[in-house]
Amino acid sequence: MSVRRTTRERQDARTGLALVSPTLVVIGLVVLLPLAWAVSLAFQDIKLINIRYAGFIGDYTLDNFREVLGASGFWTSVRTTLIYTFGSTAGSILVGLIAALAVRKPFRGRSFVRALMLLPYVAPVVAVTFVWSVMLNPQFGVVNDWGTRFLGWSEAIPFLSQQSTALLTVIVFEIWRYYPFAFLFLMARLQAVPHELEEAGLVDGTTPLQAFRYIVLPQLIPTIGVLFVLRFIFTFNKFDDIYLLTGGGAGTEVVSVRVFDFLTARKDVGAASAQATVLAVILIVFIVFQARVARRQREVGA
């Protein structure tokens, strides 16, 4: 029996490997191979004009990393990236949670409201950034028009070109655009929370706020943790939103914009790859740290 079982297990393992091998090949060709090539370029003196001669093997050097890490504005861009990422991630999850709680109970038109909440997420990024740019324009934007007419502003505010407001405006845009992502996850999790627990708590005299804090919220924490990691990864690498709104100016230059500038303005492929590699290392450090924290929380909870 043990011999037959071992043979069957080997056959099952070979069958499973055969089934997943096409996916592994695609991942290797589409993800791992370009990633390895990009990392190798980070250690070579490669410009856009001679990239045709670049390969995995070359004259490796650390000059690109010395140039990138010692360049003026690099660590400022890292700090800006972290502020932008944490603010956008936490804000989008908070707004998504509020939206999910608002449509949790049935009411007339709930399906339409749910569909309407997804509009910022499914709309083309070029279209929504253009609309926001027009709305916030200090000369003819509707926001400044209402502000000066109804809110008592003494003058129009250049939200996207002023150092004190540009980064906050971009964070608000990111929250508005991606809160539906958190809304979908949290709404699905709220539907699975037993209403009997809340009803029992209310019968025992707890307030709705206490019922949410001690009954509903603890069951949402794992989902919020997963959401935070996913949104942090997506936002940390974000490029198009900031570039379309501000072009990286007025204190909104994140590392991904610097990578683009090094590649297009300076035609320096090696330095751009070095910056992208540093960005990836920072992200990996965060993911490892978050995974350890989550594991400790599970151990404490167990």
C-alpha atoms as a PDB file:
ATOM      1  CA  MET A   1       0.000   0.000   0.000  1.00  0.00           C
ATOM      2  CA  SER A   2       2.808   2.447   0.837  1.00  0.00           C
ATOM      3  CA  VAL A   3       4.503   1.830  -2.527  1.00  0.00           C
ATOM      4  CA  ARG A   4       1.246   2.396  -4.413  1.00  0.00           C
ATOM      5  CA  ARG A   5       0.555   5.526  -2.389  1.00  0.00           C
ATOM      6  CA  THR A   6       4.037   6.895  -3.107  1.00  0.00           C
ATOM      7  CA  THR A   7       3.661   6.179  -6.825  1.00  0.00           C
ATOM      8  CA  ARG A   8       0.272   7.858  -6.910  1.00  0.00           C
ATOM      9  CA  GLU A   9       1.598  10.902  -5.067  1.00  0.00           C
ATOM     10  CA  ARG A  10       4.420  11.209  -7.592  1.00  0.00           C
ATOM     11  CA  GLN A  11       1.986  10.944 -10.463  1.00  0.00           C
ATOM     12  CA  ASP A  12      -0.208  13.622  -8.896  1.00  0.00           C
ATOM     13  CA  ALA A  13       2.818  15.862  -8.402  1.00  0.00           C
ATOM     14  CA  ARG A  14       3.883  15.444 -12.045  1.00  0.00           C
ATOM     15  CA  THR A  15       0.321  16.128 -13.201  1.00  0.00           C
ATOM     16  CA  GLY A  16       0.118  19.272 -11.069  1.00  0.00           C
ATOM     17  CA  LEU A  17       3.482  20.464 -12.380  1.00  0.00           C
ATOM     18  CA  ALA A  18       2.349  19.868 -15.967  1.00  0.00           C
ATOM     19  CA  LEU A  19      -0.826  21.883 -15.346  1.00  0.00           C
ATOM     20  CA  VAL A  20       0.945  24.899 -13.844  1.00  0.00           C
ATOM     21  CA  SER A  21       3.985  24.848 -16.154  1.00  0.00           C
ATOM     22  CA  PRO A  22       2.359  27.068 -18.856  1.00  0.00           C
ATOM     23  CA  THR A  23       1.624  29.696 -16.218  1.00  0.00           C
ATOM     24  CA  LEU A  24       5.175  29.457 -14.875  1.00  0.00           C
ATOM     25  CA  VAL A  25       6.592  29.880 -18.371  1.00  0.00           C
ATOM     26  CA  VAL A  26       4.454  32.956 -19.019  1.00  0.00           C
ATOM     27  CA  ILE A  27       5.421  34.488 -15.660  1.00  0.00           C
ATOM     28  CA  GLY A  28       9.070  33.785 -16.342  1.00  0.00           C
ATOM     29  CA  LEU A  29       9.015  35.369 -19.805  1.00  0.00           C
ATOM     30  CA  VAL A  30       6.732  38.317 -19.044  1.00  0.00           C
ATOM     31  CA  VAL A  31       7.729  39.187 -15.458  1.00  0.00           C
ATOM     32  CA  LEU A  32      10.943  37.586 -14.230  1.00  0.00           C
ATOM     33  CA  LEU A  33      13.049  37.947 -17.383  1.00  0.00           C
ATOM     34  CA  PRO A  34      12.366  41.691 -17.887  1.00  0.00           C
ATOM     35  CA  LEU A  35      12.842  42.246 -14.162  1.00  0.00           C
ATOM     36  CA  ALA A  36      16.228  40.535 -14.195  1.00  0.00           C
ATOM     37  CA  TRP A  37      17.254  42.528 -17.252  1.00  0.00           C
ATOM     38  CA  ALA A  38      16.219  45.804 -15.613  1.00  0.00           C
ATOM     39  CA  VAL A  39      18.271  44.958 -12.515  1.00  0.00           C
ATOM     40  CA  SER A  40      21.284  44.110 -14.669  1.00  0.00           C
ATOM     41  CA  LEU A  41      20.948  47.451 -16.486  1.00  0.00           C
ATOM     42  CA  ALA A  42      21.105  49.206 -13.120  1.00  0.00           C
ATOM     43  CA  PHE A  43      24.727  48.027 -12.769  1.00  0.00           C
ATOM     44  CA  GLN A  44      25.788  49.074 -16.279  1.00  0.00           C
ATOM     45  CA  ASP A  45      26.599  52.398 -17.948  1.00  0.00           C
ATOM     46  CA  ILE A  46      23.780  52.252 -20.496  1.00  0.00           C
ATOM     47  CA  LYS A  47      22.300  55.229 -22.295  1.00  0.00           C
ATOM     48  CA  LEU A  48      19.288  55.201 -24.583  1.00  0.00           C
ATOM     49  CA  ILE A  49      21.521  55.541 -27.616  1.00  0.00           C
ATOM     50  CA  ASN A  50      23.452  52.332 -26.949  1.00  0.00           C
ATOM     51  CA  ILE A  51      20.765  50.213 -25.298  1.00  0.00           C
ATOM     52  CA  ARG A  52      20.701  47.936 -28.328  1.00  0.00           C
ATOM     53  CA  TYR A  53      24.063  46.594 -27.216  1.00  0.00           C
ATOM     54  CA  ALA A  54      22.982  46.018 -23.618  1.00  0.00           C
ATOM     55  CA  GLY A  55      22.628  42.514 -22.219  1.00  0.00           C
ATOM     56  CA  PHE A  56      22.695  40.563 -18.998  1.00  0.00           C
ATOM     57  CA  ILE A  57      26.470  40.407 -19.008  1.00  0.00           C
ATOM     58  CA  GLY A  58      28.396  43.663 -19.100  1.00  0.00           C
ATOM     59  CA  ASP A  59      30.800  45.886 -17.239  1.00  0.00           C
ATOM     60  CA  TYR A  60      29.071  45.986 -13.885  1.00  0.00           C
ATOM     61  CA  THR A  61      29.593  49.040 -11.711  1.00  0.00           C
ATOM     62  CA  LEU A  62      27.954  50.816  -8.777  1.00  0.00           C
ATOM     63  CA  ASP A  63      28.273  54.261 -10.362  1.00  0.00           C
ATOM     64  CA  ASN A  64      24.563  54.442 -11.172  1.00  0.00           C
ATOM     65  CA  PHE A  65      23.593  53.829  -7.541  1.00  0.00           C
ATOM     66  CA  ARG A  66      26.168  56.368  -6.319  1.00  0.00           C
ATOM     67  CA  GLU A  67      24.772  58.921  -8.745  1.00  0.00           C
ATOM     68  CA  VAL A  68      21.158  58.190  -7.839  1.00  0.00           C
ATOM     69  CA  LEU A  69      21.594  58.081  -4.069  1.00  0.00           C
ATOM     70  CA  GLY A  70      23.789  61.173  -4.071  1.00  0.00           C
ATOM     71  CA  ALA A  71      21.656  63.210  -6.444  1.00  0.00           C
ATOM     72  CA  SER A  72      19.921  66.270  -5.067  1.00  0.00           C
ATOM     73  CA  GLY A  73      16.249  65.691  -4.482  1.00  0.00           C
ATOM     74  CA  PHE A  74      16.337  61.894  -4.367  1.00  0.00           C
ATOM     75  CA  TRP A  75      15.676  61.483  -0.655  1.00  0.00           C
ATOM     76  CA  THR A  76      13.125  64.287  -0.818  1.00  0.00           C
ATOM     77  CA  SER A  77      11.309  62.316  -3.505  1.00  0.00           C
ATOM     78  CA  VAL A  78      11.438  59.202  -1.309  1.00  0.00           C
ATOM     79  CA  ARG A  79       9.888  61.155   1.567  1.00  0.00           C
ATOM     80  CA  THR A  80       7.244  62.554  -0.790  1.00  0.00           C
ATOM     81  CA  THR A  81       6.521  59.048  -2.071  1.00  0.00           C
ATOM     82  CA  LEU A  82       6.005  57.727   1.456  1.00  0.00           C
ATOM     83  CA  ILE A  83       3.733  60.629   2.456  1.00  0.00           C
ATOM     84  CA  TYR A  84       1.746  60.269  -0.750  1.00  0.00           C
ATOM     85  CA  THR A  85       1.467  56.495  -0.372  1.00  0.00           C
ATOM     86  CA  PHE A  86       0.494  56.386   3.305  1.00  0.00           C
ATOM     87  CA  GLY A  87      -1.950  59.273   2.998  1.00  0.00           C
ATOM     88  CA  SER A  88      -3.631  57.912  -0.110  1.00  0.00           C
ATOM     89  CA  THR A  89      -3.779  54.338   1.184  1.00  0.00           C
ATOM     90  CA  ALA A  90      -5.189  55.176   4.613  1.00  0.00           C
ATOM     91  CA  GLY A  91      -7.595  57.743   3.196  1.00  0.00           C
ATOM     92  CA  SER A  92      -8.979  55.472   0.472  1.00  0.00           C
ATOM     93  CA  ILE A  93      -9.574  52.653   2.974  1.00  0.00           C
ATOM     94  CA  LEU A  94     -11.282  55.016   5.436  1.00  0.00           C
ATOM     95  CA  VAL A  95     -13.571  56.505   2.776  1.00  0.00           C
ATOM     96  CA  GLY A  96     -14.255  53.032   1.377  1.00  0.00           C
ATOM     97  CA  LEU A  97     -15.246  51.821   4.836  1.00  0.00           C
ATOM     98  CA  ILE A  98     -17.595  54.771   5.340  1.00  0.00           C
ATOM     99  CA  ALA A  99     -19.156  54.164   1.923  1.00  0.00           C
ATOM    100  CA  ALA A 100     -19.599  50.445   2.632  1.00  0.00           C
ATOM    101  CA  LEU A 101     -21.301  51.178   5.949  1.00  0.00           C
ATOM    102  CA  ALA A 102     -23.552  53.773   4.306  1.00  0.00           C
ATOM    103  CA  VAL A 103     -25.018  51.270   1.823  1.00  0.00           C
ATOM    104  CA  ARG A 104     -24.931  48.260   4.108  1.00  0.00           C
ATOM    105  CA  LYS A 105     -28.636  48.267   4.959  1.00  0.00           C
ATOM    106  CA  PRO A 106     -31.259  47.945   2.193  1.00  0.00           C
ATOM    107  CA  PHE A 107     -32.933  51.089   0.883  1.00  0.00           C
ATOM    108  CA  ARG A 108     -34.585  52.147  -2.335  1.00  0.00           C
ATOM    109  CA  GLY A 109     -32.026  52.733  -5.066  1.00  0.00           C
ATOM    110  CA  ARG A 110     -29.176  51.002  -3.220  1.00  0.00           C
ATOM    111  CA  SER A 111     -28.028  49.122  -6.325  1.00  0.00           C
ATOM    112  CA  PHE A 112     -27.825  52.372  -8.285  1.00  0.00           C
ATOM    113  CA  VAL A 113     -25.866  54.081  -5.504  1.00  0.00           C
ATOM    114  CA  ARG A 114     -23.430  51.158  -5.324  1.00  0.00           C
ATOM    115  CA  ALA A 115     -22.870  51.300  -9.063  1.00  0.00           C
ATOM    116  CA  LEU A 116     -22.402  55.078  -8.917  1.00  0.00           C
ATOM    117  CA  MET A 117     -19.701  54.706  -6.250  1.00  0.00           C
ATOM    118  CA  LEU A 118     -17.612  52.651  -8.665  1.00  0.00           C
ATOM    119  CA  LEU A 119     -17.471  55.440 -11.253  1.00  0.00           C
ATOM    120  CA  PRO A 120     -14.150  57.004 -10.091  1.00  0.00           C
ATOM    121  CA  TYR A 121     -12.433  53.609 -10.255  1.00  0.00           C
ATOM    122  CA  VAL A 122     -13.650  52.561 -13.711  1.00  0.00           C
ATOM    123  CA  ALA A 123     -13.374  55.958 -15.413  1.00  0.00           C
ATOM    124  CA  PRO A 124     -10.283  56.482 -17.639  1.00  0.00           C
ATOM    125  CA  VAL A 125      -7.464  58.136 -15.748  1.00  0.00           C
ATOM    126  CA  VAL A 126      -6.802  60.657 -18.527  1.00  0.00           C
ATOM    127  CA  ALA A 127     -10.432  61.793 -18.450  1.00  0.00           C
ATOM    128  CA  VAL A 128     -10.694  62.189 -14.664  1.00  0.00           C
ATOM    129  CA  THR A 129      -7.349  63.976 -14.323  1.00  0.00           C
ATOM    130  CA  PHE A 130      -8.417  66.401 -17.068  1.00  0.00           C
ATOM    131  CA  VAL A 131     -11.709  67.082 -15.281  1.00  0.00           C
ATOM    132  CA  TRP A 132      -9.932  67.683 -11.979  1.00  0.00           C
ATOM    133  CA  SER A 133      -7.381  69.979 -13.643  1.00  0.00           C
ATOM    134  CA  VAL A 134     -10.171  72.058 -15.161  1.00  0.00           C
ATOM    135  CA  MET A 135     -12.169  72.157 -11.918  1.00  0.00           C
ATOM    136  CA  LEU A 136      -9.129  73.290  -9.898  1.00  0.00           C
ATOM    137  CA  ASN A 137      -7.827  75.797 -12.439  1.00  0.00           C
ATOM    138  CA  PRO A 138      -7.237  79.131 -10.643  1.00  0.00           C
ATOM    139  CA  GLN A 139      -8.513  81.185 -13.603  1.00  0.00           C
ATOM    140  CA  PHE A 140     -11.716  79.452 -14.705  1.00  0.00           C
ATOM    141  CA  GLY A 141     -12.136  76.439 -12.421  1.00  0.00           C
ATOM    142  CA  VAL A 142     -15.466  75.914 -10.712  1.00  0.00           C
ATOM    143  CA  VAL A 143     -13.841  75.217  -7.317  1.00  0.00           C
ATOM    144  CA  ASN A 144     -12.143  78.606  -7.137  1.00  0.00           C
ATOM    145  CA  ASP A 145     -15.224  80.297  -8.546  1.00  0.00           C
ATOM    146  CA  TRP A 146     -17.397  78.899  -5.760  1.00  0.00           C
ATOM    147  CA  GLY A 147     -14.688  79.554  -3.190  1.00  0.00           C
ATOM    148  CA  THR A 148     -14.392  83.241  -4.010  1.00  0.00           C
ATOM    149  CA  ARG A 149     -18.160  83.696  -4.371  1.00  0.00           C
ATOM    150  CA  PHE A 150     -19.541  81.653  -1.484  1.00  0.00           C
ATOM    151  CA  LEU A 151     -16.689  80.708   0.868  1.00  0.00           C
ATOM    152  CA  GLY A 152     -15.035  84.074   1.252  1.00  0.00           C
ATOM    153  CA  TRP A 153     -11.708  83.285  -0.437  1.00  0.00           C
ATOM    154  CA  SER A 154      -9.786  86.496  -1.046  1.00  0.00           C
ATOM    155  CA  GLU A 155      -8.140  85.094  -4.169  1.00  0.00           C
ATOM    156  CA  ALA A 156      -8.050  81.972  -6.300  1.00  0.00           C
ATOM    157  CA  ILE A 157      -5.888  79.083  -5.076  1.00  0.00           C
ATOM    158  CA  PRO A 158      -3.586  77.320  -7.555  1.00  0.00           C
ATOM    159  CA  PHE A 159      -4.155  73.886  -6.058  1.00  0.00           C
ATOM    160  CA  LEU A 160      -1.965  71.959  -8.503  1.00  0.00           C
ATOM    161  CA  SER A 161       0.901  74.436  -8.885  1.00  0.00           C
ATOM    162  CA  GLN A 162       1.349  75.718  -5.335  1.00  0.00           C
ATOM    163  CA  GLN A 163       3.850  73.933  -3.097  1.00  0.00           C
ATOM    164  CA  SER A 164       1.634  74.031  -0.019  1.00  0.00           C
ATOM    165  CA  THR A 165      -1.436  72.506  -1.695  1.00  0.00           C
ATOM    166  CA  ALA A 166      -0.261  70.364  -4.628  1.00  0.00           C
ATOM    167  CA  LEU A 167       0.699  67.236  -2.694  1.00  0.00           C
ATOM    168  CA  LEU A 168      -2.447  67.349  -0.555  1.00  0.00           C
ATOM    169  CA  THR A 169      -4.572  67.806  -3.681  1.00  0.00           C
ATOM    170  CA  VAL A 170      -2.956  64.806  -5.350  1.00  0.00           C
ATOM    171  CA  ILE A 171      -3.569  62.711  -2.222  1.00  0.00           C
ATOM    172  CA  VAL A 172      -7.233  63.767  -2.174  1.00  0.00           C
ATOM    173  CA  PHE A 173      -7.520  62.824  -5.849  1.00  0.00           C
ATOM    174  CA  GLU A 174      -5.975  59.425  -5.135  1.00  0.00           C
ATOM    175  CA  ILE A 175      -8.395  58.838  -2.261  1.00  0.00           C
ATOM    176  CA  TRP A 176     -11.363  59.775  -4.453  1.00  0.00           C
ATOM    177  CA  ARG A 177     -10.217  57.624  -7.354  1.00  0.00           C
ATOM    178  CA  TYR A 178      -9.394  54.439  -5.445  1.00  0.00           C
ATOM    179  CA  TYR A 179     -11.795  54.342  -2.501  1.00  0.00           C
ATOM    180  CA  PRO A 180     -14.140  52.118  -4.614  1.00  0.00           C
ATOM    181  CA  PHE A 181     -11.443  49.417  -4.521  1.00  0.00           C
ATOM    182  CA  ALA A 182     -11.640  49.325  -0.717  1.00  0.00           C
ATOM    183  CA  PHE A 183     -15.411  49.757  -0.881  1.00  0.00           C
ATOM    184  CA  LEU A 184     -15.840  46.520  -2.864  1.00  0.00           C
ATOM    185  CA  PHE A 185     -13.722  44.456  -0.450  1.00  0.00           C
ATOM    186  CA  LEU A 186     -15.256  45.875   2.711  1.00  0.00           C
ATOM    187  CA  MET A 187     -18.820  45.712   1.424  1.00  0.00           C
ATOM    188  CA  ALA A 188     -18.379  42.019   0.616  1.00  0.00           C
ATOM    189  CA  ARG A 189     -16.930  41.382   4.090  1.00  0.00           C
ATOM    190  CA  LEU A 190     -19.723  43.323   5.800  1.00  0.00           C
ATOM    191  CA  GLN A 191     -22.310  41.164   4.087  1.00  0.00           C
ATOM    192  CA  ALA A 192     -20.753  38.142   5.793  1.00  0.00           C
ATOM    193  CA  VAL A 193     -20.844  39.641   9.300  1.00  0.00           C
ATOM    194  CA  PRO A 194     -23.727  38.002  11.230  1.00  0.00           C
ATOM    195  CA  HIS A 195     -26.361  40.578  12.105  1.00  0.00           C
ATOM    196  CA  GLU A 196     -27.316  38.515  15.147  1.00  0.00           C
ATOM    197  CA  LEU A 197     -24.153  39.592  16.945  1.00  0.00           C
ATOM    198  CA  GLU A 198     -24.954  43.283  16.546  1.00  0.00           C
ATOM    199  CA  GLU A 199     -28.586  42.744  17.475  1.00  0.00           C
ATOM    200  CA  ALA A 200     -27.536  40.888  20.616  1.00  0.00           C
ATOM    201  CA  GLY A 201     -25.180  43.719  21.511  1.00  0.00           C
ATOM    202  CA  LEU A 202     -27.889  46.327  21.023  1.00  0.00           C
ATOM    203  CA  VAL A 203     -30.250  44.293  23.211  1.00  0.00           C
ATOM    204  CA  ASP A 204     -27.575  44.268  25.909  1.00  0.00           C
ATOM    205  CA  GLY A 205     -27.451  48.047  25.829  1.00  0.00           C
ATOM    206  CA  THR A 206     -24.486  48.841  23.566  1.00  0.00           C
ATOM    207  CA  THR A 207     -24.686  51.918  21.358  1.00  0.00           C
ATOM    208  CA  PRO A 208     -24.363  51.616  17.565  1.00  0.00           C
ATOM    209  CA  LEU A 209     -20.856  53.073  17.787  1.00  0.00           C
ATOM    210  CA  GLN A 210     -19.842  50.527  20.431  1.00  0.00           C
ATOM    211  CA  ALA A 211     -21.361  47.721  18.364  1.00  0.00           C
ATOM    212  CA  PHE A 212     -19.271  48.788  15.387  1.00  0.00           C
ATOM    213  CA  ARG A 213     -16.090  49.180  17.435  1.00  0.00           C
ATOM    214  CA  TYR A 214     -16.264  45.920  19.394  1.00  0.00           C
ATOM    215  CA  ILE A 215     -18.263  43.631  17.085  1.00  0.00           C
ATOM    216  CA  VAL A 216     -17.985  44.715  13.435  1.00  0.00           C
ATOM    217  CA  LEU A 217     -14.548  46.331  13.267  1.00  0.00           C
ATOM    218  CA  PRO A 218     -12.579  43.344  14.686  1.00  0.00           C
ATOM    219  CA  GLN A 219     -14.018  41.176  11.913  1.00  0.00           C
ATOM    220  CA  LEU A 220     -12.946  43.723   9.301  1.00  0.00           C
ATOM    221  CA  ILE A 221      -9.354  44.052  10.511  1.00  0.00           C
ATOM    222  CA  PRO A 222      -7.956  41.141   8.411  1.00  0.00           C
ATOM    223  CA  THR A 223      -9.593  42.516   5.274  1.00  0.00           C
ATOM    224  CA  ILE A 224      -8.339  46.025   6.050  1.00  0.00           C
ATOM    225  CA  GLY A 225      -4.833  44.611   6.516  1.00  0.00           C
ATOM    226  CA  VAL A 226      -4.891  42.948   3.092  1.00  0.00           C
ATOM    227  CA  LEU A 227      -6.315  46.106   1.539  1.00  0.00           C
ATOM    228  CA  PHE A 228      -3.592  48.240   3.082  1.00  0.00           C
ATOM    229  CA  VAL A 229      -0.842  46.044   1.649  1.00  0.00           C
ATOM    230  CA  LEU A 230      -2.397  45.927  -1.822  1.00  0.00           C
ATOM    231  CA  ARG A 231      -3.116  49.647  -1.994  1.00  0.00           C
ATOM    232  CA  PHE A 232       0.329  50.485  -0.588  1.00  0.00           C
ATOM    233  CA  ILE A 233       2.021  48.446  -3.316  1.00  0.00           C
ATOM    234  CA  PHE A 234      -0.132  49.916  -6.088  1.00  0.00           C
ATOM    235  CA  THR A 235       0.225  53.508  -4.870  1.00  0.00           C
ATOM    236  CA  PHE A 236       3.944  53.299  -4.106  1.00  0.00           C
ATOM    237  CA  ASN A 237       4.610  52.566  -7.778  1.00  0.00           C
ATOM    238  CA  LYS A 238       2.019  55.042  -9.059  1.00  0.00           C
ATOM    239  CA  PHE A 239       3.086  57.311 -11.876  1.00  0.00           C
ATOM    240  CA  ASP A 240       0.252  58.308 -14.187  1.00  0.00           C
ATOM    241  CA  ASP A 241      -1.999  60.123 -11.689  1.00  0.00           C
ATOM    242  CA  ILE A 242       0.708  62.466 -10.408  1.00  0.00           C
ATOM    243  CA  TYR A 243       2.280  63.025 -13.803  1.00  0.00           C
ATOM    244  CA  LEU A 244      -1.031  63.919 -15.444  1.00  0.00           C
ATOM    245  CA  LEU A 245      -2.032  66.276 -12.614  1.00  0.00           C
ATOM    246  CA  THR A 246       1.191  68.096 -11.780  1.00  0.00           C
ATOM    247  CA  GLY A 247       3.965  66.608 -13.893  1.00  0.00           C
ATOM    248  CA  GLY A 248       5.856  66.012 -10.668  1.00  0.00           C
ATOM    249  CA  GLY A 249       6.175  69.714  -9.914  1.00  0.00           C
ATOM    250  CA  ALA A 250       5.265  71.791  -6.863  1.00  0.00           C
ATOM    251  CA  GLY A 251       6.654  69.271  -4.392  1.00  0.00           C
ATOM    252  CA  THR A 252       4.880  66.211  -5.846  1.00  0.00           C
ATOM    253  CA  GLU A 253       7.876  64.509  -7.438  1.00  0.00           C
ATOM    254  CA  VAL A 254       7.746  60.869  -6.396  1.00  0.00           C
ATOM    255  CA  VAL A 255      10.427  58.308  -7.243  1.00  0.00           C
ATOM    256  CA  SER A 256       8.496  56.882 -10.191  1.00  0.00           C
ATOM    257  CA  VAL A 257       8.402  60.349 -11.798  1.00  0.00           C
ATOM    258  CA  ARG A 258      12.164  60.677 -11.283  1.00  0.00           C
ATOM    259  CA  VAL A 259      12.657  57.335 -13.027  1.00  0.00           C
ATOM    260  CA  PHE A 260      10.647  58.644 -15.984  1.00  0.00           C
ATOM    261  CA  ASP A 261      12.598  61.915 -16.058  1.00  0.00           C
ATOM    262  CA  PHE A 262      15.959  60.134 -15.999  1.00  0.00           C
ATOM    263  CA  LEU A 263      14.823  57.903 -18.846  1.00  0.00           C
ATOM    264  CA  THR A 264      13.257  60.551 -21.092  1.00  0.00           C
ATOM    265  CA  ALA A 265      15.066  63.796 -20.263  1.00  0.00           C
ATOM    266  CA  ARG A 266      18.551  62.476 -19.594  1.00  0.00           C
ATOM    267  CA  LYS A 267      18.291  59.313 -21.739  1.00  0.00           C
ATOM    268  CA  ASP A 268      20.112  57.510 -18.912  1.00  0.00           C
ATOM    269  CA  VAL A 269      18.743  53.968 -18.847  1.00  0.00           C
ATOM    270  CA  GLY A 270      21.220  52.758 -16.241  1.00  0.00           C
ATOM    271  CA  ALA A 271      20.405  55.496 -13.733  1.00  0.00           C
ATOM    272  CA  ALA A 272      16.663  55.060 -14.322  1.00  0.00           C
ATOM    273  CA  SER A 273      16.981  51.314 -13.711  1.00  0.00           C
ATOM    274  CA  ALA A 274      19.013  51.986 -10.562  1.00  0.00           C
ATOM    275  CA  GLN A 275      16.280  54.243  -9.192  1.00  0.00           C
ATOM    276  CA  ALA A 276      13.629  51.667 -10.041  1.00  0.00           C
ATOM    277  CA  THR A 277      15.702  49.016  -8.256  1.00  0.00           C
ATOM    278  CA  VAL A 278      15.974  51.191  -5.141  1.00  0.00           C
ATOM    279  CA  LEU A 279      12.212  51.721  -5.283  1.00  0.00           C
ATOM    280  CA  ALA A 280      11.670  47.959  -5.452  1.00  0.00           C
ATOM    281  CA  VAL A 281      14.015  47.335  -2.503  1.00  0.00           C
ATOM    282  CA  ILE A 282      12.138  49.874  -0.340  1.00  0.00           C
ATOM    283  CA  LEU A 283       8.862  48.207  -1.261  1.00  0.00           C
ATOM    284  CA  ILE A 284      10.207  44.733  -0.462  1.00  0.00           C
ATOM    285  CA  VAL A 285      11.404  45.939   2.950  1.00  0.00           C
ATOM    286  CA  PHE A 286       7.925  47.258   3.718  1.00  0.00           C
ATOM    287  CA  ILE A 287       6.246  44.032   2.609  1.00  0.00           C
ATOM    288  CA  VAL A 288       8.577  41.907   4.753  1.00  0.00           C
ATOM    289  CA  PHE A 289       7.999  44.184   7.762  1.00  0.00           C
ATOM    290  CA  GLN A 290       4.225  44.091   7.282  1.00  0.00           C
ATOM    291  CA  ALA A 291       4.245  40.300   6.914  1.00  0.00           C
ATOM    292  CA  ARG A 292       6.129  39.914  10.198  1.00  0.00           C
ATOM    293  CA  VAL A 293       3.737  42.250  11.989  1.00  0.00           C
ATOM    294  CA  ALA A 294       0.732  40.355  10.626  1.00  0.00           C
ATOM    295  CA  ARG A 295       2.246  37.028  11.694  1.00  0.00           C
ATOM    296  CA  ARG A 296       2.847  38.301  15.226  1.00  0.00           C
ATOM    297  CA  GLN A 297      -0.737  39.540  15.402  1.00  0.00           C
ATOM    298  CA  ARG A 298      -2.018  36.119  14.331  1.00  0.00           C
ATOM    299  CA  GLU A 299       0.162  34.424  16.943  1.00  0.00           C
ATOM    300  CA  VAL A 300      -1.122  36.763  19.659  1.00  0.00           C
ATOM    301  CA  GLY A 301      -4.705  36.227  18.520  1.00  0.00           C
ATOM    302  CA  ALA A 302      -4.250  32.461  18.544  1.00  0.00           C
END
